[in-house]
Amino acid sequence: MDKKNTYAAFFDLDGTLLNVNSGEVLVHMAYKNGHMKKMDLLQAFYLAFLYKFQLRETSKIIRKMPKWLSGLAENEIAGFTNKIFEEILVHAIRPQMKDAIEEHRRQNARLVMLSAAFNYICTPVAEYLKMDDILCSRLQVVDGHFTGKTIGDLCFDEVKLARVKEFCTKNSFKLQDAWYYADSMADLAVFNAVGSPVCINPDKKLAKLAVKKKWPVFNW
């Protein structure tokens, strides 16, 4: 009989488990393979610019990003994202993060991907790493086709924290026993809530805060 998990270890995707941004890879490959129009590509670049320089509320930017998918068949894009994983993203997984996952597995942790990315990208990565659960953003599908809208709130910032709290409560885990690996100040709400925050290749603001908070920092 399997032992009951004693704590949860949460892992961010982009910039943490992966050394790339999966959204950027998806957009590039979607345009290259004819799934995205040039106007949609320009819009994606514009949204990325707004996000990078924090010129608009992040949740509003991210909510607009999947609009290019409107009308496309779910099974077609699911197959496409699996191909992206097999050809690109599997090679972008940080070896050190694989080691960290295995160490937590040996310690009988519940392994959870926690990401603002959409499930079509998160799922193949999580399955490859044999993680137990996925908490992420999800896309609306009607009659087998994307609407360009999301389901519920994006798994970002305070929503991430709410999902973590809900998950821990449901599975009888304590927040002070939880670990979280991430790379961005956008993850601050969860970092401040868990007992063991770990900064992976942190952005400048997070790196500075990590020194002040004495959080572990790894530049991989």
Protein backbone atom coordinates (compact mmCIF):
# COMPACT_ATOMS: atom_id res chain seq x y z
CA MET A 1 0.00 0.00 0.00
CA ASP A 2 1.31 3.45 -0.91
CA LYS A 3 2.19 5.74 1.97
CA LYS A 4 0.03 8.81 2.43
CA ASN A 5 1.70 12.03 1.25
CA THR A 6 2.85 14.11 4.21
CA TYR A 7 3.30 17.49 2.50
CA ALA A 8 2.93 19.24 -0.88
CA ALA A 9 5.68 20.55 -3.15
CA PHE A 10 4.49 23.06 -5.77
CA PHE A 11 6.45 23.88 -8.94
CA ASP A 12 6.02 26.82 -11.32
CA LEU A 13 6.47 26.03 -15.02
CA ASP A 14 7.94 28.87 -17.11
CA GLY A 15 11.40 29.93 -16.01
CA THR A 16 11.40 27.33 -13.25
CA LEU A 17 10.80 23.78 -14.46
CA LEU A 18 11.54 25.08 -17.97
CA ASN A 19 14.43 27.31 -19.00
CA VAL A 20 12.13 28.95 -21.57
CA ASN A 21 8.73 30.61 -21.61
CA SER A 22 6.28 28.05 -22.99
CA GLY A 23 3.87 30.76 -24.13
CA GLU A 24 6.51 32.36 -26.34
CA VAL A 25 7.42 28.96 -27.79
CA LEU A 26 3.76 28.19 -28.48
CA VAL A 27 3.16 31.50 -30.27
CA HIS A 28 6.29 31.15 -32.40
CA MET A 29 5.46 27.59 -33.42
CA ALA A 30 1.76 28.34 -33.96
CA TYR A 31 2.60 31.07 -36.46
CA LYS A 32 5.28 28.95 -38.12
CA ASN A 33 2.83 26.07 -38.57
CA GLY A 34 -0.08 28.17 -39.81
CA HIS A 35 -2.26 28.05 -36.70
CA MET A 36 -1.88 31.77 -36.06
CA LYS A 37 -2.43 34.72 -38.39
CA LYS A 38 0.13 37.50 -38.75
CA MET A 39 -2.18 40.00 -37.06
CA ASP A 40 -2.57 37.64 -34.11
CA LEU A 41 1.23 37.29 -33.94
CA LEU A 42 1.66 41.06 -33.82
CA GLN A 43 -0.97 41.24 -31.10
CA ALA A 44 0.93 38.57 -29.14
CA PHE A 45 4.15 40.60 -29.42
CA TYR A 46 2.29 43.70 -28.24
CA LEU A 47 0.84 41.89 -25.23
CA ALA A 48 4.27 40.48 -24.38
CA PHE A 49 5.67 44.02 -24.49
CA LEU A 50 2.96 45.29 -22.14
CA TYR A 51 3.61 42.36 -19.79
CA LYS A 52 7.41 42.78 -19.75
CA PHE A 53 7.26 46.47 -18.87
CA GLN A 54 4.18 46.15 -16.64
CA LEU A 55 2.24 48.71 -18.67
CA ARG A 56 -1.14 47.11 -18.05
CA GLU A 57 -2.71 44.89 -15.40
CA THR A 58 -1.20 41.43 -15.87
CA SER A 59 -4.46 39.50 -15.57
CA LYS A 60 -6.01 41.59 -18.39
CA ILE A 61 -2.99 40.93 -20.62
CA ILE A 62 -3.00 37.18 -20.01
CA ARG A 63 -6.75 36.96 -20.55
CA LYS A 64 -6.34 38.38 -24.06
CA MET A 65 -3.54 36.02 -25.04
CA PRO A 66 -5.69 32.98 -26.00
CA LYS A 67 -8.04 34.96 -28.29
CA TRP A 68 -6.08 33.78 -31.35
CA LEU A 69 -7.31 30.26 -30.61
CA SER A 70 -10.96 31.20 -31.15
CA GLY A 71 -12.59 28.78 -33.59
CA LEU A 72 -9.71 26.31 -33.68
CA ALA A 73 -10.42 22.64 -32.94
CA GLU A 74 -9.40 21.44 -29.49
CA ASN A 75 -8.08 18.06 -30.70
CA GLU A 76 -5.92 19.77 -33.33
CA ILE A 77 -4.30 22.13 -30.82
CA ALA A 78 -3.93 19.40 -28.20
CA GLY A 79 -1.99 17.33 -30.73
CA PHE A 80 0.02 20.39 -31.71
CA THR A 81 1.02 21.23 -28.12
CA ASN A 82 2.03 17.60 -27.53
CA LYS A 83 4.28 17.88 -30.57
CA ILE A 84 5.79 21.10 -29.19
CA PHE A 85 6.52 19.31 -25.95
CA GLU A 86 8.17 16.36 -27.68
CA GLU A 87 10.27 18.52 -30.02
CA ILE A 88 11.15 21.49 -27.81
CA LEU A 89 9.89 21.65 -24.23
CA VAL A 90 11.13 18.25 -23.09
CA HIS A 91 14.66 19.49 -23.84
CA ALA A 92 14.01 22.71 -21.90
CA ILE A 93 13.32 21.00 -18.57
CA ARG A 94 16.05 21.91 -16.12
CA PRO A 95 17.97 18.76 -15.03
CA GLN A 96 18.33 20.22 -11.54
CA MET A 97 14.56 20.53 -11.26
CA LYS A 98 14.20 16.87 -12.16
CA ASP A 99 16.54 16.12 -9.26
CA ALA A 100 14.52 18.33 -6.91
CA ILE A 101 11.30 16.58 -7.93
CA GLU A 102 12.83 13.16 -7.33
CA GLU A 103 14.11 14.24 -3.91
CA HIS A 104 10.62 15.36 -2.90
CA ARG A 105 9.21 12.13 -4.30
CA ARG A 106 11.58 10.19 -2.05
CA GLN A 107 10.36 12.29 0.87
CA ASN A 108 6.79 11.24 0.01
CA ALA A 109 5.60 14.67 -1.10
CA ARG A 110 2.57 15.35 -3.28
CA LEU A 111 4.05 16.85 -6.45
CA VAL A 112 1.99 19.67 -7.93
CA MET A 113 2.52 21.88 -10.98
CA LEU A 114 1.28 25.39 -10.22
CA SER A 115 1.25 27.64 -13.29
CA ALA A 116 -0.55 30.47 -15.06
CA ALA A 117 0.07 28.56 -18.30
CA PHE A 118 -2.80 26.68 -19.92
CA ASN A 119 -3.48 22.98 -19.39
CA TYR A 120 -2.56 22.00 -22.96
CA ILE A 121 1.04 23.00 -22.22
CA CYS A 122 1.13 21.98 -18.55
CA THR A 123 -0.27 18.47 -18.98
CA PRO A 124 2.45 16.87 -21.14
CA VAL A 125 5.20 18.35 -18.94
CA ALA A 126 3.53 17.16 -15.73
CA GLU A 127 2.90 13.68 -17.16
CA TYR A 128 6.52 13.38 -18.30
CA LEU A 129 7.76 14.34 -14.83
CA LYS A 130 5.18 12.02 -13.22
CA MET A 131 3.71 14.78 -11.09
CA ASP A 132 0.57 14.09 -9.10
CA ASP A 133 -1.58 17.15 -9.80
CA ILE A 134 -1.83 20.24 -11.99
CA LEU A 135 -3.18 23.62 -10.90
CA CYS A 136 -3.23 25.90 -13.94
CA SER A 137 -5.32 28.13 -16.21
CA ARG A 138 -7.85 26.47 -18.49
CA LEU A 139 -9.42 27.35 -21.83
CA GLN A 140 -13.10 27.27 -22.69
CA VAL A 141 -14.19 24.77 -25.33
CA VAL A 142 -17.66 24.65 -26.91
CA ASP A 143 -18.60 21.90 -29.39
CA GLY A 144 -14.98 20.84 -29.69
CA HIS A 145 -13.67 24.31 -30.56
CA PHE A 146 -11.97 27.02 -28.52
CA THR A 147 -13.93 30.19 -27.80
CA GLY A 148 -10.84 32.29 -27.11
CA LYS A 149 -11.96 32.67 -23.48
CA THR A 150 -10.71 31.14 -20.24
CA ILE A 151 -12.59 29.03 -17.71
CA GLY A 152 -12.76 30.90 -14.42
CA ASP A 153 -9.92 33.01 -13.09
CA LEU A 154 -6.40 32.69 -14.42
CA CYS A 155 -4.04 30.83 -12.10
CA PHE A 156 -1.97 33.92 -11.40
CA ASP A 157 -0.88 36.01 -8.38
CA GLU A 158 -3.54 35.89 -5.62
CA VAL A 159 -5.50 33.25 -7.53
CA LYS A 160 -2.45 30.98 -7.34
CA LEU A 161 -2.44 31.43 -3.59
CA ALA A 162 -6.15 30.69 -3.35
CA ARG A 163 -5.66 27.49 -5.38
CA VAL A 164 -2.77 26.45 -3.13
CA LYS A 165 -4.79 27.06 0.03
CA GLU A 166 -7.77 25.17 -1.37
CA PHE A 167 -5.54 22.26 -2.42
CA CYS A 168 -3.84 22.05 0.97
CA THR A 169 -7.13 22.20 2.85
CA LYS A 170 -8.71 19.53 0.64
CA ASN A 171 -5.75 17.19 1.09
CA SER A 172 -5.05 17.95 4.76
CA PHE A 173 -1.64 19.52 4.11
CA LYS A 174 -0.25 22.41 6.13
CA LEU A 175 0.89 25.56 4.33
CA GLN A 176 3.91 25.83 6.62
CA ASP A 177 5.01 22.37 5.44
CA ALA A 178 4.61 23.23 1.74
CA TRP A 179 7.42 24.01 -0.71
CA TYR A 180 7.19 26.28 -3.73
CA TYR A 181 9.73 26.63 -6.54
CA ALA A 182 9.34 29.70 -8.79
CA ASP A 183 11.22 32.50 -10.53
CA SER A 184 9.19 35.70 -10.44
CA MET A 185 7.85 38.44 -8.20
CA ALA A 186 4.49 37.47 -9.69
CA ASP A 187 4.75 34.43 -7.40
CA LEU A 188 5.20 36.52 -4.24
CA ALA A 189 1.79 35.74 -2.75
CA VAL A 190 2.56 32.02 -2.66
CA PHE A 191 6.17 32.56 -1.60
CA ASN A 192 4.99 34.49 1.46
CA ALA A 193 2.45 31.82 2.39
CA VAL A 194 4.43 28.57 2.24
CA GLY A 195 6.99 27.37 4.74
CA SER A 196 9.70 26.64 2.19
CA PRO A 197 9.94 29.06 -0.77
CA VAL A 198 12.77 28.37 -3.25
CA CYS A 199 13.80 30.92 -5.90
CA ILE A 200 14.95 29.50 -9.24
CA ASN A 201 16.76 31.92 -11.56
CA PRO A 202 14.81 34.78 -9.94
CA ASP A 203 14.13 38.10 -11.65
CA LYS A 204 15.94 41.11 -10.23
CA LYS A 205 13.21 42.16 -7.81
CA LEU A 206 12.74 38.64 -6.46
CA ALA A 207 16.50 38.09 -6.16
CA LYS A 208 16.81 41.25 -4.07
CA LEU A 209 13.88 40.27 -1.87
CA ALA A 210 15.21 36.73 -1.46
CA VAL A 211 18.41 38.10 0.08
CA LYS A 212 16.36 40.16 2.54
CA LYS A 213 14.05 37.24 3.37
CA LYS A 214 16.91 34.71 3.39
CA TRP A 215 15.11 32.51 0.87
CA PRO A 216 17.21 29.90 -0.97
CA VAL A 217 18.28 31.03 -4.46
CA PHE A 218 19.53 28.73 -7.25
CA ASN A 219 20.75 30.05 -10.60
CA TRP A 220 20.44 27.08 -12.93
